[in-house]
Protein backbone atom coordinates (compact mmCIF):
# COMPACT_ATOMS: atom_id res chain seq x y z
CA MET A 1 -83.68 -46.57 -103.37
CA ALA A 2 -86.82 -44.95 -101.97
CA SER A 3 -87.33 -41.23 -102.48
CA PHE A 4 -90.05 -39.33 -100.64
CA SER A 5 -90.60 -36.37 -98.34
CA VAL A 6 -90.85 -36.78 -94.57
CA ASN A 7 -92.12 -33.87 -92.50
CA GLY A 8 -91.31 -31.48 -95.33
CA GLU A 9 -87.77 -32.75 -95.93
CA HIS A 10 -86.81 -34.73 -99.04
CA ARG A 11 -85.32 -38.09 -98.09
CA GLU A 12 -83.69 -40.89 -100.06
CA VAL A 13 -83.17 -44.25 -98.43
CA ASP A 14 -81.26 -47.13 -99.96
CA ILE A 15 -83.60 -49.99 -99.09
CA GLN A 16 -85.80 -52.59 -100.77
CA ALA A 17 -89.15 -51.21 -101.91
CA SER A 18 -90.98 -53.91 -99.91
CA HIS A 19 -89.50 -52.81 -96.56
CA PRO A 20 -92.25 -51.46 -94.22
CA LEU A 21 -92.37 -47.68 -93.96
CA LEU A 22 -92.58 -47.94 -90.16
CA TRP A 23 -89.10 -49.42 -89.89
CA VAL A 24 -87.64 -46.95 -92.36
CA LEU A 25 -89.02 -44.10 -90.25
CA ARG A 26 -87.87 -45.55 -86.94
CA GLU A 27 -84.58 -47.27 -87.81
CA ARG A 28 -83.24 -45.37 -90.79
CA LEU A 29 -84.57 -41.87 -90.14
CA GLY A 30 -84.66 -41.88 -86.31
CA LEU A 31 -88.32 -40.82 -86.13
CA THR A 32 -89.37 -42.99 -83.21
CA GLY A 33 -92.64 -41.22 -82.41
CA THR A 34 -94.42 -43.61 -84.78
CA LYS A 35 -94.94 -46.78 -82.76
CA PHE A 36 -95.03 -50.49 -83.55
CA GLY A 37 -98.17 -51.99 -82.09
CA CYS A 38 -99.59 -55.08 -83.73
CA GLY A 39 -97.68 -55.30 -87.01
CA ILE A 40 -100.82 -56.14 -88.99
CA GLY A 41 -102.33 -52.68 -89.42
CA GLN A 42 -105.15 -53.23 -86.93
CA CYS A 43 -104.24 -51.14 -83.88
CA GLY A 44 -103.31 -47.77 -85.40
CA ALA A 45 -100.21 -47.08 -83.26
CA CYS A 46 -98.14 -46.78 -86.45
CA THR A 47 -100.42 -44.29 -88.19
CA VAL A 48 -98.77 -41.58 -90.29
CA LEU A 49 -100.18 -39.29 -92.95
CA VAL A 50 -99.27 -40.07 -96.55
CA ASP A 51 -100.30 -37.15 -98.72
CA GLY A 52 -102.73 -36.22 -95.93
CA ALA A 53 -104.38 -39.65 -95.61
CA PRO A 54 -104.00 -41.71 -92.42
CA THR A 55 -101.90 -44.75 -93.29
CA ARG A 56 -100.75 -47.76 -91.29
CA SER A 57 -96.99 -47.58 -91.75
CA CYS A 58 -96.39 -51.14 -90.50
CA GLN A 59 -98.20 -52.50 -93.56
CA THR A 60 -97.11 -49.88 -96.08
CA PRO A 61 -94.14 -50.80 -98.27
CA VAL A 62 -91.75 -47.88 -98.49
CA GLY A 63 -91.83 -48.21 -102.28
CA SER A 64 -95.51 -47.28 -102.28
CA VAL A 65 -94.77 -43.81 -100.88
CA GLU A 66 -92.33 -42.93 -103.67
CA GLY A 67 -92.75 -39.20 -104.39
CA SER A 68 -95.25 -38.76 -101.54
CA GLU A 69 -95.31 -36.49 -98.51
CA VAL A 70 -95.19 -38.48 -95.26
CA THR A 71 -96.05 -36.68 -92.03
CA THR A 72 -95.24 -38.28 -88.70
CA ILE A 73 -96.17 -37.18 -85.20
CA GLU A 74 -92.88 -35.26 -85.10
CA GLY A 75 -93.86 -33.34 -88.23
CA LEU A 76 -97.23 -32.21 -86.94
CA ALA A 77 -95.66 -29.81 -84.44
CA ALA A 78 -93.00 -28.39 -86.73
CA ASN A 79 -94.35 -24.88 -86.04
CA GLY A 80 -95.50 -25.42 -82.45
CA LEU A 81 -98.27 -27.54 -81.01
CA THR A 82 -101.27 -28.12 -83.22
CA SER A 83 -104.84 -27.66 -82.02
CA VAL A 84 -105.12 -31.43 -81.67
CA GLN A 85 -101.96 -31.69 -79.57
CA SER A 86 -103.03 -28.75 -77.40
CA ALA A 87 -106.45 -30.31 -76.84
CA TRP A 88 -104.85 -33.67 -75.99
CA ILE A 89 -102.83 -31.97 -73.27
CA GLU A 90 -105.72 -29.82 -72.05
CA GLU A 91 -108.05 -32.82 -71.79
CA GLN A 92 -105.29 -35.00 -70.28
CA VAL A 93 -105.95 -37.81 -72.75
CA PRO A 94 -102.83 -39.97 -72.44
CA GLN A 95 -102.71 -42.69 -69.87
CA CYS A 96 -99.96 -45.12 -70.85
CA GLY A 97 -99.45 -43.02 -73.98
CA TYR A 98 -98.34 -45.77 -76.33
CA CYS A 99 -101.16 -45.33 -78.86
CA GLN A 100 -101.25 -41.56 -78.66
CA SER A 101 -99.10 -40.67 -81.65
CA GLY A 102 -101.34 -42.77 -83.91
CA GLN A 103 -104.45 -41.36 -82.23
CA ILE A 104 -103.26 -37.76 -82.72
CA VAL A 105 -102.26 -38.32 -86.35
CA SER A 106 -105.65 -39.93 -87.09
CA ALA A 107 -107.53 -37.16 -85.26
CA THR A 108 -105.61 -34.60 -87.32
CA ALA A 109 -106.71 -36.34 -90.54
CA LEU A 110 -110.30 -36.45 -89.30
CA LEU A 111 -110.37 -32.74 -88.49
CA ASN A 112 -108.78 -31.90 -91.83
CA ALA A 113 -111.64 -33.75 -93.53
CA ARG A 114 -114.46 -32.83 -91.08
CA PRO A 115 -113.70 -29.65 -89.10
CA ARG A 116 -116.71 -30.17 -86.79
CA PRO A 117 -117.32 -33.92 -86.56
CA THR A 118 -120.18 -35.48 -84.63
CA ASP A 119 -119.62 -38.11 -81.96
CA GLU A 120 -120.67 -40.76 -84.48
CA GLU A 121 -118.21 -39.48 -87.09
CA ILE A 122 -115.42 -39.45 -84.53
CA ASP A 123 -116.22 -42.97 -83.37
CA GLN A 124 -116.38 -44.26 -86.94
CA PHE A 125 -113.21 -42.54 -88.13
CA MET A 126 -111.18 -43.41 -85.03
CA ALA A 127 -112.42 -47.02 -84.80
CA GLY A 128 -109.16 -48.32 -86.27
CA ASN A 129 -107.11 -46.80 -83.45
CA ILE A 130 -107.09 -49.00 -80.39
CA CYS A 131 -106.42 -47.61 -76.93
CA ARG A 132 -105.68 -50.41 -74.49
CA CYS A 133 -106.31 -48.04 -71.59
CA GLY A 134 -109.82 -47.29 -72.86
CA ALA A 135 -109.42 -43.51 -73.12
CA TYR A 136 -112.01 -43.28 -75.90
CA THR A 137 -114.26 -40.80 -74.08
CA ALA A 138 -111.31 -38.49 -73.42
CA ILE A 139 -110.15 -38.88 -77.04
CA ARG A 140 -113.59 -37.91 -78.35
CA LYS A 141 -113.71 -34.93 -75.96
CA ALA A 142 -110.23 -33.81 -77.08
CA ILE A 143 -111.22 -34.02 -80.75
CA HIS A 144 -114.22 -31.76 -80.09
CA ARG A 145 -111.97 -29.40 -78.14
CA ALA A 146 -109.39 -29.38 -80.94
CA ALA A 147 -112.14 -28.42 -83.38
CA GLU A 148 -113.02 -25.47 -81.13
CA LEU A 149 -109.38 -24.44 -80.75
CA GLU A 150 -108.81 -24.59 -84.49
CA GLU A 151 -111.98 -22.63 -85.21
CA ASP A 152 -110.85 -19.98 -82.72
CA ARG A 153 -107.34 -19.94 -84.21
CA VAL A 154 -108.67 -19.45 -87.73
CA SER A 155 -111.06 -16.68 -86.63
CA GLY A 156 -108.32 -15.01 -84.57
CA ASP A 157 -110.07 -15.45 -81.23
CA GLU A 158 -108.07 -16.41 -78.17
CA VAL A 159 -109.22 -19.37 -76.12
């Protein structure tokens, strides 16, 4: 039995502790926004937040998140679009879209840690998220835009 919180809701799943978190999220909990990409933790499509840290769910045994808070792409927008999601739309980042949930989750973690990252910080932090369409310039632009939107939201200014 695995017991943890997903998107603010306590969940218990009767499954072996070694089962990958990705498949628990997708198959047992119906949260299909987290994608399977490579299966070896290298592409970032399966990225979720575990206690706020970006984590490759395809390589994370569900037993290792016991008592933790897991946030998926679905959980980010529980109270409406986030600054990152709004910026992604505004900057028209997605092309094929397959990697985008992992990209958005990772960008959220980056901005939580570094509210105004430099291009170099963005490139370094996001290096583990592969976009087969090559939308890296748009992703970087959207992260900068999300930082602006969040700064404006916090200060009460409208954008």
